[in-house]
Amino acid sequence: MNLFERAIAKVSPGTALARAQARYQLSVQMNYDAATTGRRGASWSRSRADADSAAGFGRRDRMAAVAHDMIRNTPFAVSGKRVIVANVVGDGIIPRIKSKNEALKLRGLSLIERHMDTVQIDVNGRQNLYGLQELALGTAIDAGEALIVRHDLPLSTKAVLPFQVQVLEPDFLDDTRDGTFSDGTEIREGIEYNAGGERSAYWLYQRHPGAMAGGPVRLGLSSVRVPAKDVIHLYRQDRAGQMRGVSWFAPVAVKLQDLADTEDAQLMRQKIAACFAGFRKKADERPSNAPDFQASISPGAIHDLYGDEEVVFSDPPTVGDLDPMTKLILRSVAAGLGITYEALVGDLTGVNFTSGRLGRMTMKSNVTGWQWKLMIPIMMQPMGQWFLDAWVQVDPQWGRKIRDAAVDWTPPAMPLVDPTREIPMLVKKLRAGLGSRSGTLRELGEDPERIMDEIKSDAEFADREKLVFDSDARRVSLSGSVNTPVDFEEIPKEEGLDDG
C-alpha cells in the first residue's frame, strides 16, 4: 500500500485493500498481457507440468492415434508428412568413411555399398539404409518418436556385416513398467534409467500390442529388456528435460479436422443444392398407388402434388466463399509443421523468384535443423558406430585402424529455386574465396570425396583417350578459350592395410 491507501485503511480497511489489489492487477496487465487473469485469458490452459507429464496419462497415445487416422484419411496431413520427409531425408543421408588411409576408405565404402545400401541391413528385408531413415523419421512425425533397434548376427551369417536394424513404433514400449528400485534404478514408461539418470535399457514388447489375432494381444504380451546401447530413441525434443516425443501434428490436428469437416459440409450443401425438383399440383385426391417422392428427391425430377398437399423447404444460409478460409487454415497448418504453404498445398499462385526463395530460406533453416540436430546426431552417428563395431568383427586384423576411423554423413540439399541464378552465385562465391568446393558440394547434398574421385577418374580417362571437353576447366576456360594443359605431379599412394 502507498501512503494514501494507508490513510484510508485507518477509516475503511476494506476500501484500502481493494484499491491496492486493483492497482496490482493493473500493473501486471500493463507489463504483460499474457499474465492477465481476466476474460481475455480465460481460454488459456495454464500448466506448470513438465513436458512428459503434459503428454502423459494416455494423451501421447491419443495424439499418435489421431495422427495415424489423419495420415490414413486427410490429404493435407499426408502432404505435410511427405514434404518434411522428402526434404530431410530425400534420397538418403549418405555415409562416408573419414580416414587418412585411402585403402581403408575404399574397404569401408565397399562394405557400405554391399550391406548398408542393400536390404541386408533391414531385419524385415524390405528397406535399405535410406528407406530405414525415411521410415524412422516418418514414424517420429506421426507418433512423436521411433525406436531403432540393433540385432546382432553370428559371424557365420551370410550377411556382409553381422548386424541388422529394425524400426519400431513407440507402441512397442511397455509403459506398464514403472517404478523405483533400491539400487537407484528407475523405470519410467518402459525406459530404464540408472542411479545417475542415464538410460540403461528399454523394455520392449516382441509384438505390436495392437496386432490383431482375434483381438488386441497386449494383455497376453510380455516385454523384454533391451540394453540402451542397442536402441536409438528418435524424437524431437521441444522442451528441456523432455524424455519422450509428441506427434508433430499435435498443434495442427484440430485445424486439419475442422477443415475436413468444413469441406464435407460444403460438399453436402452442393449435393442438396443440386436436388432441384419440379412440382405439379393436381386437384384430385392422392391415389393409393402414387409414389412417395419424400423418400427420395432426385435432380431434375417432376413430382405430383394432390389435393391440399404442399411441400415446404427450409432456406439454409449459404456457406459463402471457402477459398480464403481454406487458405488461412492451411497457412496455419504449414506454419505449425514448419514448412511453407506452397510446399504443403502445391499452390504457386503469385510466387516469384524472390518470394519463393525467401520462403524456401525459412523452411531450409527448419530442414537443416532437423538434419543436423535430429537425424544425424541422434540416429545416424550411433548407426555409424554400429557399422564400425561390426566392421571390426569382420576385419579384426585392422581393428586399430578401423577404430581410428569415423563415419561422416552428408544430408540431401533442398532443390534450388532457380538454378540459372543460384549456380552462378555459387561459382562467384567459390572464386572469391568465400567457400570451399567440399563445403559447396555438401550444401548441394553431394559427397565431396565421391565427386572428386569421379572428376579425377573422368580426367584420367579423357587424358588417356586424348579427349577434350568444354567441362574440363584444365583445358577450356569459362569464357570458352583453350588453356594450356597443366602437368600434375604424381601423388604418392597411401599406405596399405597390410600392417595391422
Protein backbone atom coordinates (compact mmCIF):
# COMPACT_ATOMS: atom_id res chain seq x y z
CA MET A 1 0.00 0.00 0.00
CA ASN A 2 1.07 3.57 -0.65
CA LEU A 3 0.81 6.42 1.86
CA PHE A 4 -2.67 7.46 0.68
CA GLU A 5 -4.03 3.92 0.99
CA ARG A 6 -2.56 3.58 4.50
CA ALA A 7 -4.51 6.68 5.48
CA ILE A 8 -7.73 5.23 4.03
CA ALA A 9 -7.07 1.96 5.85
CA LYS A 10 -7.47 3.67 9.21
CA VAL A 11 -11.04 4.60 8.26
CA SER A 12 -12.03 1.79 5.83
CA PRO A 13 -9.61 -1.15 5.65
CA GLY A 14 -11.72 -2.94 3.00
CA THR A 15 -11.63 0.03 0.63
CA ALA A 16 -7.86 0.40 1.01
CA LEU A 17 -7.30 -3.32 0.34
CA ALA A 18 -9.50 -3.23 -2.77
CA ARG A 19 -7.56 -0.23 -4.11
CA ALA A 20 -4.23 -1.96 -3.53
CA GLN A 21 -5.37 -5.17 -5.24
CA ALA A 22 -6.78 -3.29 -8.21
CA ARG A 23 -3.56 -1.34 -8.60
CA TYR A 24 -1.53 -4.56 -8.50
CA GLN A 25 -3.71 -6.23 -11.14
CA LEU A 26 -3.41 -3.14 -13.36
CA SER A 27 0.38 -3.12 -13.04
CA VAL A 28 0.54 -6.78 -14.05
CA GLN A 29 -1.62 -6.26 -17.10
CA MET A 30 0.25 -3.13 -18.14
CA ASN A 31 3.53 -5.07 -18.21
CA TYR A 32 2.50 -8.43 -19.71
CA ASP A 33 -0.81 -9.05 -21.44
CA ALA A 34 -0.12 -12.78 -21.23
CA ALA A 35 -0.28 -12.55 -17.43
CA THR A 36 -3.86 -11.38 -17.44
CA THR A 37 -6.37 -13.47 -15.50
CA GLY A 38 -9.45 -11.81 -16.95
CA ARG A 39 -11.87 -12.74 -19.70
CA ARG A 40 -9.29 -12.37 -22.50
CA GLY A 41 -7.12 -15.05 -20.95
CA ALA A 42 -9.91 -17.40 -19.94
CA SER A 43 -9.26 -19.78 -22.87
CA TRP A 44 -5.64 -20.39 -21.96
CA SER A 45 -4.73 -23.69 -20.33
CA ARG A 46 -2.05 -22.77 -17.83
CA SER A 47 0.01 -25.71 -16.63
CA ARG A 48 3.34 -25.95 -14.84
CA ALA A 49 3.69 -29.65 -15.67
CA ASP A 50 6.93 -30.82 -17.24
CA ALA A 51 6.99 -31.93 -20.88
CA ASP A 52 6.43 -35.62 -20.21
CA SER A 53 3.67 -35.08 -17.63
CA ALA A 54 1.86 -32.75 -20.03
CA ALA A 55 1.76 -35.55 -22.61
CA GLY A 56 1.24 -38.34 -20.08
CA PHE A 57 -1.85 -40.19 -18.81
CA GLY A 58 -2.60 -41.54 -22.29
CA ARG A 59 -2.55 -38.16 -24.05
CA ARG A 60 0.57 -39.04 -26.04
CA ASP A 61 -1.05 -42.24 -27.30
CA ARG A 62 -4.29 -40.44 -28.22
CA MET A 63 -2.37 -37.80 -30.20
CA ALA A 64 -0.47 -40.53 -32.03
CA ALA A 65 -3.73 -42.35 -32.83
CA VAL A 66 -5.22 -39.10 -34.18
CA ALA A 67 -2.12 -38.54 -36.33
CA HIS A 68 -2.34 -42.08 -37.73
CA ASP A 69 -6.00 -41.51 -38.59
CA MET A 70 -5.19 -38.24 -40.37
CA ILE A 71 -2.41 -39.90 -42.36
CA ARG A 72 -4.92 -42.54 -43.44
CA ASN A 73 -7.71 -40.13 -44.37
CA THR A 74 -6.57 -36.49 -44.61
CA PRO A 75 -4.73 -35.50 -47.82
CA PHE A 76 -3.04 -32.42 -46.37
CA ALA A 77 -1.70 -34.43 -43.41
CA VAL A 78 -0.15 -36.88 -45.88
CA SER A 79 1.27 -33.97 -47.88
CA GLY A 80 2.80 -32.32 -44.80
CA LYS A 81 4.49 -35.54 -43.74
CA ARG A 82 5.80 -36.22 -47.23
CA VAL A 83 7.21 -32.70 -47.56
CA ILE A 84 9.17 -33.00 -44.31
CA VAL A 85 10.50 -36.49 -45.03
CA ALA A 86 11.35 -35.67 -48.65
CA ASN A 87 13.37 -32.61 -47.69
CA VAL A 88 15.08 -34.00 -44.58
CA VAL A 89 15.91 -37.49 -45.91
CA GLY A 90 15.24 -37.27 -49.65
CA ASP A 91 17.28 -39.90 -51.47
CA GLY A 92 19.15 -40.55 -48.25
CA ILE A 93 21.61 -39.16 -45.73
CA ILE A 94 24.77 -40.61 -47.25
CA PRO A 95 27.60 -42.15 -45.17
CA ARG A 96 31.30 -41.98 -45.98
CA ILE A 97 34.41 -43.21 -44.21
CA LYS A 98 36.56 -40.46 -42.73
CA SER A 99 40.20 -41.62 -42.61
CA LYS A 100 43.61 -40.62 -43.95
CA ASN A 101 44.11 -44.14 -45.22
CA GLU A 102 42.75 -44.41 -48.76
CA ALA A 103 42.74 -48.21 -48.78
CA LEU A 104 40.74 -48.24 -45.55
CA LYS A 105 38.21 -45.82 -47.02
CA LEU A 106 37.78 -47.99 -50.10
CA ARG A 107 37.22 -51.07 -47.94
CA GLY A 108 34.67 -49.24 -45.81
CA LEU A 109 32.87 -47.88 -48.87
CA SER A 110 32.65 -51.39 -50.26
CA LEU A 111 31.06 -52.67 -47.03
CA ILE A 112 28.61 -49.76 -47.01
CA GLU A 113 27.54 -50.45 -50.60
CA ARG A 114 27.21 -54.20 -50.05
CA HIS A 115 25.44 -54.11 -46.68
CA MET A 116 24.02 -50.67 -45.79
CA ASP A 117 22.90 -49.80 -49.30
CA THR A 118 21.00 -53.10 -49.62
CA VAL A 119 18.06 -54.65 -47.80
CA GLN A 120 20.52 -56.79 -45.80
CA ILE A 121 20.55 -54.00 -43.23
CA ASP A 122 16.82 -54.44 -42.51
CA VAL A 123 15.59 -57.20 -40.19
CA ASN A 124 12.47 -57.47 -42.34
CA GLY A 125 14.44 -57.40 -45.60
CA ARG A 126 12.36 -54.56 -47.06
CA GLN A 127 14.41 -51.36 -46.77
CA ASN A 128 17.98 -50.25 -47.32
CA LEU A 129 19.63 -47.69 -45.05
CA TYR A 130 17.89 -44.77 -46.73
CA GLY A 131 14.50 -46.45 -46.58
CA LEU A 132 15.03 -47.01 -42.86
CA GLN A 133 15.87 -43.32 -42.45
CA GLU A 134 12.61 -42.39 -44.15
CA LEU A 135 10.64 -44.93 -42.12
CA ALA A 136 12.12 -43.78 -38.79
CA LEU A 137 11.53 -40.07 -39.44
CA GLY A 138 8.01 -40.73 -40.72
CA THR A 139 7.23 -42.71 -37.56
CA ALA A 140 8.61 -39.90 -35.38
CA ILE A 141 6.42 -37.37 -37.21
CA ASP A 142 3.25 -39.45 -36.78
CA ALA A 143 3.69 -40.94 -33.33
CA GLY A 144 6.20 -38.44 -31.96
CA GLU A 145 9.03 -40.94 -31.62
CA ALA A 146 10.59 -44.03 -33.17
CA LEU A 147 12.76 -46.83 -31.83
CA ILE A 148 15.64 -48.16 -33.95
CA VAL A 149 16.88 -51.49 -32.57
CA ARG A 150 20.13 -53.28 -33.43
CA HIS A 151 20.06 -57.06 -33.85
CA ASP A 152 23.47 -58.72 -33.73
CA LEU A 153 24.06 -61.69 -36.05
CA PRO A 154 26.58 -64.53 -35.78
CA LEU A 155 29.74 -64.13 -37.85
CA SER A 156 28.74 -67.24 -39.76
CA THR A 157 25.79 -65.38 -41.26
CA LYS A 158 25.61 -64.80 -44.99
CA ALA A 159 25.20 -61.06 -44.41
CA VAL A 160 28.20 -58.88 -45.26
CA LEU A 161 28.22 -57.42 -41.73
CA PRO A 162 26.92 -59.21 -38.61
CA PHE A 163 24.15 -56.81 -37.66
CA GLN A 164 20.72 -55.68 -38.80
CA VAL A 165 18.38 -52.86 -37.86
CA GLN A 166 14.66 -52.73 -37.08
CA VAL A 167 12.45 -49.62 -36.87
CA LEU A 168 9.66 -49.89 -34.27
CA GLU A 169 6.74 -47.68 -33.35
CA PRO A 170 6.68 -46.37 -29.75
CA ASP A 171 3.75 -48.73 -29.04
CA PHE A 172 6.41 -51.41 -28.50
CA LEU A 173 7.46 -49.63 -25.29
CA ASP A 174 5.99 -51.38 -22.27
CA ASP A 175 4.74 -48.30 -20.41
CA THR A 176 3.31 -50.51 -17.66
CA ARG A 177 6.88 -50.96 -16.48
CA ASP A 178 7.18 -48.17 -13.95
CA GLY A 179 8.85 -47.89 -10.57
CA THR A 180 11.94 -47.14 -8.50
CA PHE A 181 14.28 -49.80 -7.08
CA SER A 182 16.61 -49.94 -4.09
CA ASP A 183 19.79 -49.65 -6.18
CA GLY A 184 18.63 -46.29 -7.57
CA THR A 185 17.41 -47.75 -10.86
CA GLU A 186 14.17 -46.20 -12.11
CA ILE A 187 11.82 -47.27 -14.89
CA ARG A 188 9.53 -44.63 -16.38
CA GLU A 189 7.11 -45.55 -19.18
CA GLY A 190 9.21 -48.55 -20.19
CA ILE A 191 12.56 -46.72 -20.20
CA GLU A 192 15.08 -47.76 -17.56
CA TYR A 193 17.45 -45.22 -16.00
CA ASN A 194 20.42 -45.97 -13.79
CA ALA A 195 21.19 -44.20 -10.50
CA GLY A 196 22.97 -41.44 -12.44
CA GLY A 197 19.90 -40.70 -14.55
CA GLU A 198 21.33 -42.22 -17.75
CA ARG A 199 19.26 -44.50 -19.96
CA SER A 200 20.36 -48.08 -19.38
CA ALA A 201 17.67 -50.15 -21.10
CA TYR A 202 14.32 -50.23 -22.87
CA TRP A 203 11.52 -52.68 -22.05
CA LEU A 204 10.05 -53.68 -25.41
CA TYR A 205 7.22 -55.95 -26.47
CA GLN A 206 8.18 -58.58 -29.01
CA ARG A 207 4.95 -57.98 -30.93
CA HIS A 208 2.97 -54.83 -31.59
CA PRO A 209 0.35 -54.50 -28.82
CA GLY A 210 -2.26 -53.55 -31.40
CA ALA A 211 -1.73 -56.61 -33.59
CA MET A 212 -4.99 -58.37 -34.32
CA ALA A 213 -5.07 -62.09 -33.59
CA GLY A 214 -8.71 -62.46 -32.70
CA GLY A 215 -8.42 -59.16 -30.81
CA PRO A 216 -5.76 -56.89 -29.27
CA VAL A 217 -2.97 -59.02 -27.83
CA ARG A 218 -1.50 -56.54 -25.34
CA LEU A 219 -2.77 -58.42 -22.27
CA GLY A 220 -1.01 -61.59 -23.40
CA LEU A 221 2.32 -59.90 -24.15
CA SER A 222 5.43 -59.74 -22.03
CA SER A 223 8.27 -57.29 -22.54
CA VAL A 224 12.00 -57.99 -22.68
CA ARG A 225 14.87 -55.83 -21.51
CA VAL A 226 16.98 -54.45 -24.36
CA PRO A 227 20.23 -52.63 -23.42
CA ALA A 228 20.23 -48.94 -24.32
CA LYS A 229 23.38 -49.39 -26.46
CA ASP A 230 21.24 -51.43 -28.87
CA VAL A 231 18.39 -48.89 -29.11
CA ILE A 232 18.19 -45.46 -30.72
CA HIS A 233 15.30 -43.36 -29.41
CA LEU A 234 14.49 -40.84 -32.15
CA TYR A 235 12.26 -37.91 -31.20
CA ARG A 236 12.22 -34.13 -31.43
CA GLN A 237 12.97 -32.52 -28.08
CA ASP A 238 10.86 -29.38 -27.77
CA ARG A 239 11.41 -28.68 -24.06
CA ALA A 240 14.31 -29.08 -21.67
CA GLY A 241 14.18 -32.37 -19.81
CA GLN A 242 11.77 -33.95 -22.30
CA MET A 243 12.41 -37.71 -22.35
CA ARG A 244 9.76 -38.79 -24.88
CA GLY A 245 8.36 -37.29 -28.06
CA VAL A 246 4.99 -35.91 -29.09
CA SER A 247 3.36 -36.14 -32.52
CA TRP A 248 4.39 -33.30 -34.82
CA PHE A 249 0.71 -32.97 -35.76
CA ALA A 250 -0.29 -32.02 -32.20
CA PRO A 251 -0.53 -28.24 -32.90
CA VAL A 252 -2.45 -28.65 -36.16
CA ALA A 253 -4.65 -31.72 -35.69
CA VAL A 254 -7.79 -29.78 -34.72
CA LYS A 255 -7.37 -27.33 -37.59
CA LEU A 256 -6.99 -30.15 -40.10
CA GLN A 257 -10.08 -31.87 -38.75
CA ASP A 258 -12.05 -28.60 -38.84
CA LEU A 259 -11.02 -28.14 -42.47
CA ALA A 260 -12.09 -31.69 -43.33
CA ASP A 261 -15.47 -31.15 -41.63
CA THR A 262 -15.92 -27.84 -43.46
CA GLU A 263 -15.16 -29.48 -46.81
CA ASP A 264 -17.68 -32.25 -46.06
CA ALA A 265 -20.33 -29.66 -45.17
CA GLN A 266 -19.66 -27.76 -48.39
CA LEU A 267 -19.93 -30.94 -50.46
CA MET A 268 -23.22 -31.83 -48.78
CA ARG A 269 -24.53 -28.32 -49.47
CA GLN A 270 -23.66 -28.71 -53.13
CA LYS A 271 -25.42 -32.09 -53.27
CA ILE A 272 -28.54 -30.65 -51.68
CA ALA A 273 -28.44 -27.61 -53.97
CA ALA A 274 -28.30 -29.95 -56.97
CA CYS A 275 -31.59 -31.59 -55.97
CA PHE A 276 -33.85 -29.10 -57.77
CA ALA A 277 -37.22 -30.68 -58.50
CA GLY A 278 -40.44 -29.55 -60.14
CA PHE A 279 -43.87 -29.91 -58.50
CA ARG A 280 -47.17 -30.20 -60.37
CA LYS A 281 -50.36 -29.53 -58.34
CA LYS A 282 -53.49 -31.58 -59.03
CA ALA A 283 -56.96 -31.08 -57.64
CA ASP A 284 -57.50 -34.84 -57.44
CA GLU A 285 -57.15 -36.83 -54.25
CA ARG A 286 -53.89 -38.70 -53.86
CA PRO A 287 -54.27 -42.27 -55.24
CA SER A 288 -53.07 -45.12 -53.07
CA ASN A 289 -50.51 -46.26 -55.65
CA ALA A 290 -48.88 -42.82 -56.08
CA PRO A 291 -45.08 -42.88 -55.46
CA ASP A 292 -43.84 -41.29 -52.25
CA PHE A 293 -41.45 -38.63 -53.53
CA GLN A 294 -40.49 -37.64 -49.99
CA ALA A 295 -38.41 -40.77 -49.71
CA SER A 296 -36.08 -39.66 -52.47
CA ILE A 297 -35.78 -36.39 -54.38
CA SER A 298 -33.56 -36.65 -57.46
CA PRO A 299 -32.21 -33.74 -59.53
CA GLY A 300 -34.49 -32.70 -62.40
CA ALA A 301 -37.42 -34.89 -61.36
CA ILE A 302 -41.05 -33.72 -61.57
CA HIS A 303 -43.34 -34.79 -58.72
CA ASP A 304 -47.12 -34.65 -58.45
CA LEU A 305 -48.91 -32.98 -55.54
CA TYR A 306 -52.51 -34.00 -54.89
CA GLY A 307 -55.33 -32.12 -53.24
CA ASP A 308 -54.18 -29.94 -50.40
CA GLU A 309 -50.61 -31.37 -50.29
CA GLU A 310 -47.87 -28.80 -50.02
CA VAL A 311 -44.09 -29.12 -49.87
CA VAL A 312 -42.12 -26.62 -47.78
CA PHE A 313 -38.31 -26.44 -47.94
CA SER A 314 -36.07 -24.78 -45.40
CA ASP A 315 -33.87 -21.93 -46.55
CA PRO A 316 -30.45 -22.69 -45.03
CA PRO A 317 -27.83 -19.93 -45.02
CA THR A 318 -25.20 -20.12 -47.75
CA VAL A 319 -21.73 -21.28 -46.82
CA GLY A 320 -20.03 -18.48 -48.69
CA ASP A 321 -16.61 -18.46 -50.31
CA LEU A 322 -14.47 -21.16 -48.71
CA ASP A 323 -11.26 -20.30 -50.50
CA PRO A 324 -10.00 -17.51 -48.15
CA MET A 325 -10.81 -19.55 -45.04
CA THR A 326 -9.23 -22.70 -46.50
CA LYS A 327 -6.03 -20.81 -47.31
CA LEU A 328 -5.95 -19.29 -43.82
CA ILE A 329 -6.29 -22.71 -42.18
CA LEU A 330 -3.69 -24.31 -44.45
CA ARG A 331 -1.25 -21.47 -43.80
CA SER A 332 -1.66 -22.13 -40.07
CA VAL A 333 -1.10 -25.85 -40.64
CA ALA A 334 2.02 -25.19 -42.71
CA ALA A 335 3.38 -22.84 -40.04
CA GLY A 336 2.68 -25.42 -37.34
CA LEU A 337 4.57 -28.11 -39.26
CA GLY A 338 7.47 -25.79 -40.10
CA ILE A 339 7.06 -25.87 -43.88
CA THR A 340 5.81 -23.40 -46.47
CA TYR A 341 2.19 -23.11 -47.60
CA GLU A 342 3.31 -23.62 -51.21
CA ALA A 343 5.08 -26.88 -50.34
CA LEU A 344 2.10 -28.15 -48.35
CA VAL A 345 -0.58 -27.34 -50.91
CA GLY A 346 1.32 -27.12 -54.21
CA ASP A 347 -0.28 -23.72 -54.86
CA LEU A 348 2.30 -21.46 -56.53
CA THR A 349 -0.13 -18.64 -57.35
CA GLY A 350 1.62 -15.28 -57.03
CA VAL A 351 5.03 -16.83 -56.26
CA ASN A 352 8.05 -15.31 -57.97
CA PHE A 353 11.78 -15.95 -57.62
CA THR A 354 12.26 -13.56 -54.70
CA SER A 355 9.23 -14.61 -52.66
CA GLY A 356 9.82 -18.27 -53.44
CA ARG A 357 13.45 -18.07 -52.37
CA LEU A 358 12.64 -16.20 -49.16
CA GLY A 359 10.04 -18.80 -48.24
CA ARG A 360 12.44 -21.63 -49.01
CA MET A 361 15.16 -19.98 -46.90
CA THR A 362 12.87 -20.02 -43.85
CA MET A 363 11.89 -23.62 -44.49
CA LYS A 364 15.52 -24.55 -45.21
CA SER A 365 16.56 -23.46 -41.72
CA ASN A 366 14.00 -25.89 -40.27
CA VAL A 367 15.05 -28.70 -42.61
CA THR A 368 18.78 -28.32 -41.90
CA GLY A 369 17.97 -28.15 -38.19
CA TRP A 370 16.11 -31.45 -38.39
CA GLN A 371 19.03 -32.93 -40.33
CA TRP A 372 21.91 -31.73 -38.15
CA LYS A 373 20.18 -31.62 -34.74
CA LEU A 374 17.92 -34.67 -35.02
CA MET A 375 18.63 -37.22 -37.73
CA ILE A 376 22.43 -37.09 -37.87
CA PRO A 377 23.37 -36.84 -34.15
CA ILE A 378 20.52 -38.94 -32.75
CA MET A 379 20.11 -41.66 -35.39
CA MET A 380 22.91 -41.71 -37.94
CA GLN A 381 26.00 -41.26 -35.75
CA PRO A 382 25.04 -44.15 -33.43
CA MET A 383 24.31 -46.27 -36.50
CA GLY A 384 27.73 -45.30 -37.83
CA GLN A 385 29.24 -46.65 -34.61
CA TRP A 386 27.23 -49.88 -35.04
CA PHE A 387 28.75 -50.15 -38.53
CA LEU A 388 32.31 -49.71 -37.20
CA ASP A 389 31.73 -52.26 -34.41
CA ALA A 390 30.54 -54.82 -36.96
CA TRP A 391 33.42 -53.97 -39.32
CA VAL A 392 35.97 -54.74 -36.59
CA GLN A 393 34.43 -58.20 -36.23
CA VAL A 394 34.79 -58.84 -39.97
CA ASP A 395 38.35 -57.42 -40.27
CA PRO A 396 39.87 -57.88 -36.78
CA GLN A 397 43.42 -57.55 -38.14
CA TRP A 398 42.70 -53.87 -38.91
CA GLY A 399 40.94 -53.17 -35.65
CA ARG A 400 43.11 -50.24 -34.59
CA LYS A 401 42.80 -48.51 -37.95
CA ILE A 402 39.03 -49.03 -38.02
CA ARG A 403 38.62 -47.62 -34.52
CA ASP A 404 40.60 -44.54 -35.55
CA ALA A 405 38.25 -44.00 -38.49
CA ALA A 406 34.83 -42.36 -38.36
CA VAL A 407 31.62 -42.37 -40.37
CA ASP A 408 30.66 -38.96 -41.72
CA TRP A 409 27.21 -38.11 -43.06
CA THR A 410 26.05 -35.87 -45.91
CA PRO A 411 22.34 -34.95 -45.93
CA PRO A 412 20.49 -34.11 -49.14
CA ALA A 413 20.14 -30.48 -50.11
CA MET A 414 16.88 -28.74 -50.84
CA PRO A 415 16.31 -28.25 -54.57
CA LEU A 416 17.36 -24.90 -55.96
CA VAL A 417 14.53 -22.47 -56.67
CA ASP A 418 16.14 -21.12 -59.84
CA PRO A 419 19.40 -22.92 -60.82
CA THR A 420 20.10 -20.40 -63.63
CA ARG A 421 20.51 -17.69 -60.96
CA GLU A 422 21.74 -19.61 -57.93
CA ILE A 423 24.52 -21.69 -59.53
CA PRO A 424 26.37 -18.60 -60.90
CA MET A 425 26.15 -17.17 -57.36
CA LEU A 426 27.83 -20.30 -56.00
CA VAL A 427 30.56 -20.05 -58.66
CA LYS A 428 31.25 -16.42 -57.70
CA LYS A 429 31.35 -17.41 -54.03
CA LEU A 430 34.00 -20.05 -54.78
CA ARG A 431 36.11 -17.79 -56.99
CA ALA A 432 36.02 -15.06 -54.32
CA GLY A 433 37.39 -17.50 -51.76
CA LEU A 434 34.26 -17.32 -49.61
CA GLY A 435 33.87 -21.07 -49.51
CA SER A 436 35.46 -24.38 -50.46
CA ARG A 437 34.50 -26.88 -53.13
CA SER A 438 33.83 -29.50 -50.49
CA GLY A 439 31.63 -27.17 -48.48
CA THR A 440 29.68 -26.10 -51.55
CA LEU A 441 29.17 -29.70 -52.63
CA ARG A 442 27.84 -30.55 -49.18
CA GLU A 443 25.43 -27.61 -49.43
CA LEU A 444 24.15 -29.20 -52.63
CA GLY A 445 23.75 -32.58 -50.88
CA GLU A 446 26.70 -34.25 -52.61
CA ASP A 447 29.56 -36.26 -51.12
CA PRO A 448 32.71 -34.23 -51.94
CA GLU A 449 35.05 -37.22 -51.94
CA ARG A 450 32.91 -39.22 -54.33
CA ILE A 451 32.52 -36.23 -56.65
CA MET A 452 36.28 -35.54 -56.59
CA ASP A 453 37.02 -39.22 -57.28
CA GLU A 454 34.64 -39.18 -60.23
CA ILE A 455 36.18 -35.95 -61.59
CA LYS A 456 39.66 -37.46 -61.25
CA SER A 457 38.59 -40.67 -62.95
CA ASP A 458 36.94 -38.75 -65.80
CA ALA A 459 40.03 -36.56 -66.27
CA GLU A 460 42.39 -39.55 -66.35
CA PHE A 461 40.17 -41.29 -68.89
CA ALA A 462 39.97 -38.16 -71.07
CA ASP A 463 43.77 -37.68 -70.99
CA ARG A 464 44.37 -41.33 -71.79
CA GLU A 465 41.97 -41.24 -74.71
CA LYS A 466 43.11 -37.72 -75.74
CA LEU A 467 39.62 -36.26 -75.36
CA VAL A 468 38.86 -32.59 -74.69
CA PHE A 469 35.55 -31.43 -73.22
CA ASP A 470 34.18 -27.96 -72.57
CA SER A 471 33.51 -29.03 -68.97
CA ASP A 472 37.24 -29.67 -68.34
CA ALA A 473 38.46 -26.45 -66.70
CA ARG A 474 42.08 -27.55 -67.24
CA ARG A 475 41.57 -27.31 -70.99
CA VAL A 476 38.77 -24.80 -71.55
CA SER A 477 38.12 -21.62 -69.57
CA LEU A 478 34.70 -20.36 -68.54
CA SER A 479 34.77 -17.87 -71.41
CA GLY A 480 35.47 -20.68 -73.91
CA SER A 481 39.16 -20.07 -74.64
CA VAL A 482 41.56 -23.03 -74.68
CA ASN A 483 44.00 -23.19 -71.76
CA THR A 484 47.50 -24.64 -71.70
CA PRO A 485 47.33 -28.15 -70.26
CA VAL A 486 48.60 -28.43 -66.70
CA ASP A 487 51.06 -31.17 -65.71
CA PHE A 488 50.12 -32.74 -62.40
CA GLU A 489 52.78 -34.29 -60.21
CA GLU A 490 52.21 -37.89 -59.29
CA ILE A 491 50.62 -38.12 -55.84
CA PRO A 492 52.22 -40.82 -53.64
CA LYS A 493 49.87 -43.62 -52.73
CA GLU A 494 48.65 -44.04 -49.18
CA GLU A 495 49.92 -46.90 -47.06
CA GLY A 496 48.06 -50.17 -47.39
CA LEU A 497 46.27 -52.22 -44.81
CA ASP A 498 48.82 -54.98 -44.58
CA ASP A 499 50.21 -53.63 -41.29
CA GLY A 500 47.65 -54.36 -38.63
